[in-house]
Amino acid sequence: MKARIRDTGAVLPHIHDTGPVLPRVDAHDLAAAFGATETRVLRRLARDPHTLASLRKEILGRLASHGGRPSLEGTTKRRKIPFRPEDWRALGEVARTLSRDLGRRTTTGQVASALIRLSLAGLARATSDAAGTGHRRS
């Protein structure tokens, strides 16, 4: 049995900042000051109907662990889908961003699965909307 380490040192007092509250720095001003540029993935996501927030919500709602590696709830089929290398890299960047945001490992395949699900749901809505108005979308 491993012995527990017990800290018997003195408890130090908390540090309280009593200085003046400084005004917040605008994100655009900060980016300009450092010469920052927008990343390719975030630019593509900003123009895409799927926002990072909706993707985060979809993955969080379906990510479940049953003792092993967390997987997306409800996925039972494993298929090989061809991707261009740059698309797979972009999905990987999104997966790393989501992993950092969620505090849980999100795989590239899970991101691809969630994006396909969101796209199909959007397509179904668009198709039913078009059918209801008598217009057909192509």
N, C-alpha and C. Protein backbone atom coordinates (compact mmCIF):
# COMPACT_ATOMS: atom_id res chain seq x y z
N MET A 1 0.84 -1.17 0.00
CA MET A 1 0.00 0.00 0.00
C MET A 1 0.88 1.24 0.00
N LYS A 2 0.53 2.20 -0.82
CA LYS A 2 1.32 3.42 -0.92
C LYS A 2 0.99 4.35 0.25
N ALA A 3 2.03 4.97 0.79
CA ALA A 3 1.84 5.92 1.89
C ALA A 3 1.42 7.28 1.31
N ARG A 4 0.49 7.92 1.95
CA ARG A 4 0.05 9.24 1.51
C ARG A 4 1.02 10.29 2.04
N ILE A 5 1.22 11.30 1.24
CA ILE A 5 2.09 12.41 1.66
C ILE A 5 1.20 13.46 2.31
N ARG A 6 1.57 13.86 3.50
CA ARG A 6 0.78 14.84 4.23
C ARG A 6 1.61 16.12 4.39
N ASP A 7 1.06 17.24 3.93
CA ASP A 7 1.74 18.53 4.05
C ASP A 7 1.50 19.07 5.45
N THR A 8 2.58 19.27 6.18
CA THR A 8 2.46 19.79 7.55
C THR A 8 3.04 21.20 7.65
N GLY A 9 3.31 21.81 6.51
CA GLY A 9 3.88 23.16 6.51
C GLY A 9 2.85 24.21 6.88
N ALA A 10 3.35 25.42 7.10
CA ALA A 10 2.48 26.53 7.47
C ALA A 10 1.59 26.92 6.30
N VAL A 11 0.39 27.35 6.61
CA VAL A 11 -0.54 27.83 5.60
C VAL A 11 -0.23 29.29 5.34
N LEU A 12 0.05 29.60 4.07
CA LEU A 12 0.40 30.97 3.73
C LEU A 12 -0.86 31.80 3.53
N PRO A 13 -0.80 33.09 3.84
CA PRO A 13 -1.99 33.94 3.66
C PRO A 13 -2.29 34.15 2.18
N HIS A 14 -3.56 34.35 1.87
CA HIS A 14 -3.98 34.63 0.50
C HIS A 14 -3.50 36.01 0.09
N ILE A 15 -3.19 36.14 -1.18
CA ILE A 15 -2.75 37.43 -1.72
C ILE A 15 -3.97 38.12 -2.32
N HIS A 16 -4.23 39.33 -1.92
CA HIS A 16 -5.36 40.11 -2.45
C HIS A 16 -4.80 41.30 -3.20
N ASP A 17 -5.23 41.46 -4.44
CA ASP A 17 -4.79 42.59 -5.24
C ASP A 17 -5.62 43.81 -4.86
N THR A 18 -4.95 44.84 -4.37
CA THR A 18 -5.65 46.06 -3.94
C THR A 18 -5.37 47.21 -4.89
N GLY A 19 -4.74 46.91 -6.02
CA GLY A 19 -4.41 47.96 -6.99
C GLY A 19 -5.65 48.41 -7.75
N PRO A 20 -5.49 49.49 -8.51
CA PRO A 20 -6.64 50.01 -9.28
C PRO A 20 -7.04 49.03 -10.39
N VAL A 21 -8.31 49.01 -10.72
CA VAL A 21 -8.82 48.17 -11.80
C VAL A 21 -8.53 48.88 -13.11
N LEU A 22 -7.81 48.20 -13.98
CA LEU A 22 -7.44 48.79 -15.26
C LEU A 22 -8.52 48.51 -16.30
N PRO A 23 -8.66 49.40 -17.28
CA PRO A 23 -9.68 49.16 -18.31
C PRO A 23 -9.31 47.94 -19.15
N ARG A 24 -10.33 47.26 -19.65
CA ARG A 24 -10.11 46.09 -20.49
C ARG A 24 -9.52 46.52 -21.83
N VAL A 25 -8.73 45.63 -22.40
CA VAL A 25 -8.12 45.88 -23.70
C VAL A 25 -8.99 45.23 -24.76
N ASP A 26 -9.34 45.98 -25.79
CA ASP A 26 -10.14 45.45 -26.88
C ASP A 26 -9.36 44.37 -27.62
N ALA A 27 -10.00 43.27 -27.96
CA ALA A 27 -9.34 42.14 -28.62
C ALA A 27 -8.72 42.55 -29.95
N HIS A 28 -9.41 43.41 -30.70
CA HIS A 28 -8.88 43.84 -32.00
C HIS A 28 -7.64 44.70 -31.83
N ASP A 29 -7.63 45.57 -30.80
CA ASP A 29 -6.46 46.39 -30.53
C ASP A 29 -5.27 45.53 -30.12
N LEU A 30 -5.54 44.52 -29.31
CA LEU A 30 -4.49 43.62 -28.86
C LEU A 30 -3.92 42.83 -30.04
N ALA A 31 -4.79 42.33 -30.91
CA ALA A 31 -4.34 41.59 -32.08
C ALA A 31 -3.49 42.47 -32.99
N ALA A 32 -3.91 43.72 -33.19
CA ALA A 32 -3.14 44.65 -34.03
C ALA A 32 -1.78 44.95 -33.40
N ALA A 33 -1.75 45.11 -32.08
CA ALA A 33 -0.49 45.42 -31.39
C ALA A 33 0.52 44.28 -31.53
N PHE A 34 0.04 43.04 -31.52
CA PHE A 34 0.94 41.90 -31.63
C PHE A 34 1.11 41.42 -33.06
N GLY A 35 0.40 42.03 -34.00
CA GLY A 35 0.50 41.61 -35.39
C GLY A 35 -0.14 40.27 -35.64
N ALA A 36 -1.16 39.93 -34.85
CA ALA A 36 -1.83 38.64 -34.98
C ALA A 36 -2.71 38.61 -36.22
N THR A 37 -2.84 37.43 -36.79
CA THR A 37 -3.74 37.24 -37.92
C THR A 37 -4.71 36.12 -37.58
N GLU A 38 -5.85 36.14 -38.23
CA GLU A 38 -6.87 35.13 -38.00
C GLU A 38 -6.42 33.82 -38.61
N THR A 39 -6.69 32.71 -37.91
CA THR A 39 -6.28 31.41 -38.44
C THR A 39 -7.24 30.96 -39.52
N ARG A 40 -6.75 30.11 -40.40
CA ARG A 40 -7.55 29.64 -41.52
C ARG A 40 -8.81 28.92 -41.06
N VAL A 41 -8.71 28.07 -40.05
CA VAL A 41 -9.85 27.29 -39.58
C VAL A 41 -10.93 28.20 -39.04
N LEU A 42 -10.57 29.18 -38.22
CA LEU A 42 -11.58 30.06 -37.65
C LEU A 42 -12.24 30.92 -38.72
N ARG A 43 -11.48 31.33 -39.74
CA ARG A 43 -12.08 32.10 -40.81
C ARG A 43 -13.11 31.26 -41.55
N ARG A 44 -12.77 30.01 -41.83
CA ARG A 44 -13.73 29.14 -42.53
C ARG A 44 -14.96 28.88 -41.67
N LEU A 45 -14.77 28.70 -40.38
CA LEU A 45 -15.91 28.45 -39.50
C LEU A 45 -16.81 29.67 -39.40
N ALA A 46 -16.21 30.86 -39.44
CA ALA A 46 -17.01 32.08 -39.31
C ALA A 46 -17.96 32.23 -40.50
N ARG A 47 -17.56 31.77 -41.69
CA ARG A 47 -18.42 31.89 -42.86
C ARG A 47 -19.36 30.72 -43.00
N ASP A 48 -19.08 29.64 -42.32
CA ASP A 48 -19.85 28.42 -42.45
C ASP A 48 -21.09 28.48 -41.57
N PRO A 49 -22.19 27.84 -41.99
CA PRO A 49 -23.38 27.86 -41.15
C PRO A 49 -23.19 27.17 -39.81
N HIS A 50 -22.19 26.27 -39.71
CA HIS A 50 -21.94 25.57 -38.46
C HIS A 50 -20.94 26.37 -37.64
N THR A 51 -21.37 26.90 -36.55
CA THR A 51 -20.45 27.63 -35.69
C THR A 51 -19.77 26.66 -34.75
N LEU A 52 -18.67 27.11 -34.20
CA LEU A 52 -17.95 26.28 -33.24
C LEU A 52 -18.84 25.99 -32.03
N ALA A 53 -19.70 26.93 -31.68
CA ALA A 53 -20.60 26.74 -30.53
C ALA A 53 -21.60 25.61 -30.79
N SER A 54 -22.19 25.56 -31.99
CA SER A 54 -23.15 24.49 -32.27
C SER A 54 -22.44 23.14 -32.35
N LEU A 55 -21.22 23.14 -32.86
CA LEU A 55 -20.45 21.91 -32.93
C LEU A 55 -20.08 21.44 -31.53
N ARG A 56 -19.68 22.38 -30.68
CA ARG A 56 -19.35 22.05 -29.28
C ARG A 56 -20.56 21.46 -28.58
N LYS A 57 -21.73 22.06 -28.80
CA LYS A 57 -22.97 21.58 -28.17
C LYS A 57 -23.32 20.17 -28.67
N GLU A 58 -23.17 19.94 -29.96
CA GLU A 58 -23.47 18.63 -30.54
C GLU A 58 -22.55 17.56 -29.96
N ILE A 59 -21.27 17.85 -29.88
CA ILE A 59 -20.32 16.86 -29.37
C ILE A 59 -20.51 16.63 -27.88
N LEU A 60 -20.69 17.70 -27.11
CA LEU A 60 -20.90 17.53 -25.67
C LEU A 60 -22.16 16.74 -25.38
N GLY A 61 -23.21 16.96 -26.17
CA GLY A 61 -24.46 16.26 -25.97
C GLY A 61 -24.38 14.78 -26.30
N ARG A 62 -23.42 14.40 -27.15
CA ARG A 62 -23.34 13.01 -27.60
C ARG A 62 -22.11 12.26 -27.11
N LEU A 63 -21.12 12.96 -26.53
CA LEU A 63 -19.90 12.30 -26.09
C LEU A 63 -20.16 11.53 -24.80
N ALA A 64 -19.89 10.25 -24.82
CA ALA A 64 -20.13 9.41 -23.64
C ALA A 64 -19.00 8.41 -23.48
N SER A 65 -18.65 8.14 -22.24
CA SER A 65 -17.61 7.15 -21.95
C SER A 65 -18.23 6.00 -21.17
N HIS A 66 -17.95 4.81 -21.61
CA HIS A 66 -18.46 3.61 -20.94
C HIS A 66 -17.28 2.76 -20.48
N GLY A 67 -16.31 3.42 -19.86
CA GLY A 67 -15.16 2.70 -19.33
C GLY A 67 -13.96 2.71 -20.26
N GLY A 68 -14.17 2.98 -21.52
CA GLY A 68 -13.06 3.02 -22.47
C GLY A 68 -12.89 4.41 -23.03
N ARG A 69 -12.50 4.47 -24.28
CA ARG A 69 -12.34 5.75 -24.95
C ARG A 69 -13.72 6.37 -25.17
N PRO A 70 -13.90 7.66 -24.86
CA PRO A 70 -15.20 8.29 -25.08
C PRO A 70 -15.58 8.25 -26.56
N SER A 71 -16.83 7.96 -26.83
CA SER A 71 -17.30 7.93 -28.21
C SER A 71 -18.60 8.70 -28.30
N LEU A 72 -19.02 8.97 -29.53
CA LEU A 72 -20.26 9.70 -29.74
C LEU A 72 -21.43 8.73 -29.57
N GLU A 73 -22.35 9.11 -28.70
CA GLU A 73 -23.54 8.31 -28.41
C GLU A 73 -24.36 8.15 -29.69
N GLY A 74 -24.82 6.93 -29.93
CA GLY A 74 -25.69 6.68 -31.08
C GLY A 74 -24.95 6.30 -32.35
N THR A 75 -23.61 6.35 -32.34
CA THR A 75 -22.89 5.95 -33.54
C THR A 75 -22.60 4.46 -33.46
N THR A 76 -23.09 3.73 -34.46
CA THR A 76 -22.89 2.29 -34.48
C THR A 76 -22.16 1.83 -35.73
N LYS A 77 -22.17 2.64 -36.77
CA LYS A 77 -21.53 2.28 -38.04
C LYS A 77 -20.16 2.93 -38.13
N ARG A 78 -19.17 2.17 -38.56
CA ARG A 78 -17.83 2.70 -38.83
C ARG A 78 -17.60 2.55 -40.34
N ARG A 79 -17.38 3.68 -41.00
CA ARG A 79 -17.19 3.68 -42.44
C ARG A 79 -15.91 4.43 -42.78
N LYS A 80 -15.32 4.04 -43.87
CA LYS A 80 -14.17 4.79 -44.39
C LYS A 80 -14.70 5.82 -45.37
N ILE A 81 -14.41 7.08 -45.11
CA ILE A 81 -14.85 8.16 -45.98
C ILE A 81 -13.61 8.87 -46.50
N PRO A 82 -13.48 9.02 -47.80
CA PRO A 82 -12.29 9.70 -48.33
C PRO A 82 -12.34 11.20 -48.05
N PHE A 83 -11.21 11.74 -47.60
CA PHE A 83 -11.07 13.17 -47.34
C PHE A 83 -9.83 13.68 -48.06
N ARG A 84 -9.84 14.92 -48.46
CA ARG A 84 -8.62 15.56 -48.94
C ARG A 84 -7.73 15.79 -47.73
N PRO A 85 -6.42 15.72 -47.90
CA PRO A 85 -5.51 15.92 -46.76
C PRO A 85 -5.73 17.26 -46.05
N GLU A 86 -5.96 18.33 -46.82
CA GLU A 86 -6.16 19.64 -46.19
C GLU A 86 -7.47 19.71 -45.40
N ASP A 87 -8.49 18.97 -45.85
CA ASP A 87 -9.75 18.93 -45.10
C ASP A 87 -9.57 18.17 -43.79
N TRP A 88 -8.82 17.06 -43.85
CA TRP A 88 -8.57 16.27 -42.63
C TRP A 88 -7.75 17.08 -41.64
N ARG A 89 -6.76 17.85 -42.15
CA ARG A 89 -5.96 18.70 -41.26
C ARG A 89 -6.84 19.77 -40.62
N ALA A 90 -7.75 20.37 -41.40
CA ALA A 90 -8.65 21.39 -40.86
C ALA A 90 -9.57 20.79 -39.79
N LEU A 91 -10.08 19.57 -40.03
CA LEU A 91 -10.89 18.89 -39.02
C LEU A 91 -10.07 18.62 -37.76
N GLY A 92 -8.80 18.27 -37.95
CA GLY A 92 -7.91 18.05 -36.81
C GLY A 92 -7.71 19.32 -35.99
N GLU A 93 -7.58 20.46 -36.67
CA GLU A 93 -7.44 21.74 -35.97
C GLU A 93 -8.69 22.06 -35.16
N VAL A 94 -9.85 21.79 -35.75
CA VAL A 94 -11.11 22.00 -35.03
C VAL A 94 -11.19 21.07 -33.83
N ALA A 95 -10.77 19.81 -34.00
CA ALA A 95 -10.79 18.85 -32.89
C ALA A 95 -9.89 19.31 -31.75
N ARG A 96 -8.70 19.83 -32.09
CA ARG A 96 -7.80 20.33 -31.04
C ARG A 96 -8.40 21.53 -30.33
N THR A 97 -9.05 22.42 -31.07
CA THR A 97 -9.70 23.58 -30.46
C THR A 97 -10.80 23.14 -29.52
N LEU A 98 -11.63 22.19 -29.97
CA LEU A 98 -12.72 21.69 -29.12
C LEU A 98 -12.18 20.96 -27.90
N SER A 99 -11.12 20.19 -28.08
CA SER A 99 -10.51 19.48 -26.94
C SER A 99 -10.07 20.47 -25.88
N ARG A 100 -9.45 21.55 -26.33
CA ARG A 100 -8.99 22.58 -25.40
C ARG A 100 -10.19 23.27 -24.73
N ASP A 101 -11.21 23.61 -25.50
CA ASP A 101 -12.40 24.29 -24.97
C ASP A 101 -13.20 23.42 -24.01
N LEU A 102 -13.36 22.13 -24.36
CA LEU A 102 -14.20 21.23 -23.58
C LEU A 102 -13.46 20.57 -22.42
N GLY A 103 -12.13 20.57 -22.49
CA GLY A 103 -11.36 19.89 -21.47
C GLY A 103 -11.44 18.37 -21.59
N ARG A 104 -11.85 17.89 -22.75
CA ARG A 104 -11.93 16.45 -23.03
C ARG A 104 -11.37 16.23 -24.42
N ARG A 105 -10.74 15.09 -24.61
CA ARG A 105 -10.17 14.79 -25.91
C ARG A 105 -11.29 14.55 -26.93
N THR A 106 -11.22 15.30 -28.01
CA THR A 106 -12.17 15.15 -29.11
C THR A 106 -11.37 14.74 -30.33
N THR A 107 -11.77 13.66 -30.98
CA THR A 107 -11.01 13.16 -32.13
C THR A 107 -11.49 13.82 -33.42
N THR A 108 -10.62 13.72 -34.42
CA THR A 108 -10.94 14.26 -35.74
C THR A 108 -12.18 13.56 -36.31
N GLY A 109 -12.27 12.26 -36.12
CA GLY A 109 -13.43 11.50 -36.61
C GLY A 109 -14.73 11.92 -35.93
N GLN A 110 -14.66 12.22 -34.63
CA GLN A 110 -15.86 12.68 -33.91
C GLN A 110 -16.32 14.03 -34.45
N VAL A 111 -15.37 14.92 -34.76
CA VAL A 111 -15.73 16.22 -35.34
C VAL A 111 -16.37 16.01 -36.70
N ALA A 112 -15.77 15.13 -37.53
CA ALA A 112 -16.33 14.87 -38.86
C ALA A 112 -17.74 14.31 -38.74
N SER A 113 -17.95 13.37 -37.82
CA SER A 113 -19.27 12.77 -37.62
C SER A 113 -20.29 13.83 -37.21
N ALA A 114 -19.91 14.69 -36.27
CA ALA A 114 -20.83 15.72 -35.80
C ALA A 114 -21.15 16.72 -36.90
N LEU A 115 -20.15 17.11 -37.70
CA LEU A 115 -20.40 18.04 -38.81
C LEU A 115 -21.32 17.43 -39.86
N ILE A 116 -21.13 16.17 -40.15
CA ILE A 116 -22.01 15.49 -41.12
C ILE A 116 -23.43 15.45 -40.58
N ARG A 117 -23.58 15.13 -39.30
CA ARG A 117 -24.92 15.08 -38.69
C ARG A 117 -25.60 16.45 -38.73
N LEU A 118 -24.85 17.51 -38.38
CA LEU A 118 -25.41 18.86 -38.42
C LEU A 118 -25.76 19.27 -39.85
N SER A 119 -24.92 18.90 -40.81
CA SER A 119 -25.19 19.23 -42.21
C SER A 119 -26.43 18.52 -42.72
N LEU A 120 -26.58 17.24 -42.38
CA LEU A 120 -27.76 16.49 -42.81
C LEU A 120 -29.03 17.05 -42.18
N ALA A 121 -28.95 17.46 -40.91
CA ALA A 121 -30.12 18.05 -40.25
C ALA A 121 -30.50 19.37 -40.93
N GLY A 122 -29.49 20.17 -41.28
CA GLY A 122 -29.75 21.43 -41.99
C GLY A 122 -30.33 21.20 -43.37
N LEU A 123 -29.82 20.18 -44.05
CA LEU A 123 -30.34 19.83 -45.38
C LEU A 123 -31.78 19.36 -45.29
N ALA A 124 -32.10 18.56 -44.28
CA ALA A 124 -33.47 18.08 -44.10
C ALA A 124 -34.41 19.25 -43.83
N ARG A 125 -33.96 20.21 -43.00
CA ARG A 125 -34.79 21.40 -42.73
C ARG A 125 -35.00 22.21 -44.00
N ALA A 126 -33.93 22.40 -44.77
CA ALA A 126 -34.04 23.18 -46.01
C ALA A 126 -34.97 22.49 -47.00
N THR A 127 -34.89 21.18 -47.09
CA THR A 127 -35.73 20.42 -48.00
C THR A 127 -37.19 20.50 -47.58
N SER A 128 -37.47 20.37 -46.28
CA SER A 128 -38.86 20.44 -45.83
C SER A 128 -39.40 21.86 -45.96
N ASP A 129 -38.54 22.88 -45.76
CA ASP A 129 -38.98 24.27 -45.95
C ASP A 129 -39.32 24.51 -47.41
N ALA A 130 -38.48 24.00 -48.31
CA ALA A 130 -38.72 24.18 -49.74
C ALA A 130 -39.98 23.43 -50.16
N ALA A 131 -40.21 22.26 -49.60
CA ALA A 131 -41.41 21.50 -49.96
C ALA A 131 -42.66 22.21 -49.48
N GLY A 132 -42.57 22.88 -48.35
CA GLY A 132 -43.71 23.59 -47.81
C GLY A 132 -44.06 24.83 -48.60
N THR A 133 -43.08 25.44 -49.28
CA THR A 133 -43.36 26.66 -50.03
C THR A 133 -43.59 26.38 -51.51
N GLY A 134 -43.41 25.11 -51.91
CA GLY A 134 -43.63 24.78 -53.32
C GLY A 134 -42.41 25.02 -54.18
N HIS A 135 -41.31 25.51 -53.58
CA HIS A 135 -40.07 25.72 -54.31
C HIS A 135 -39.15 24.54 -54.11
N ARG A 136 -38.43 24.24 -55.11
CA ARG A 136 -37.48 23.12 -54.99
C ARG A 136 -36.07 23.67 -55.04
N ARG A 137 -35.27 23.28 -54.06
CA ARG A 137 -33.88 23.70 -54.04
C ARG A 137 -33.03 22.62 -54.70
N SER A 138 -32.01 23.04 -55.38
CA SER A 138 -31.11 22.05 -55.99
C SER A 138 -29.74 22.14 -55.39
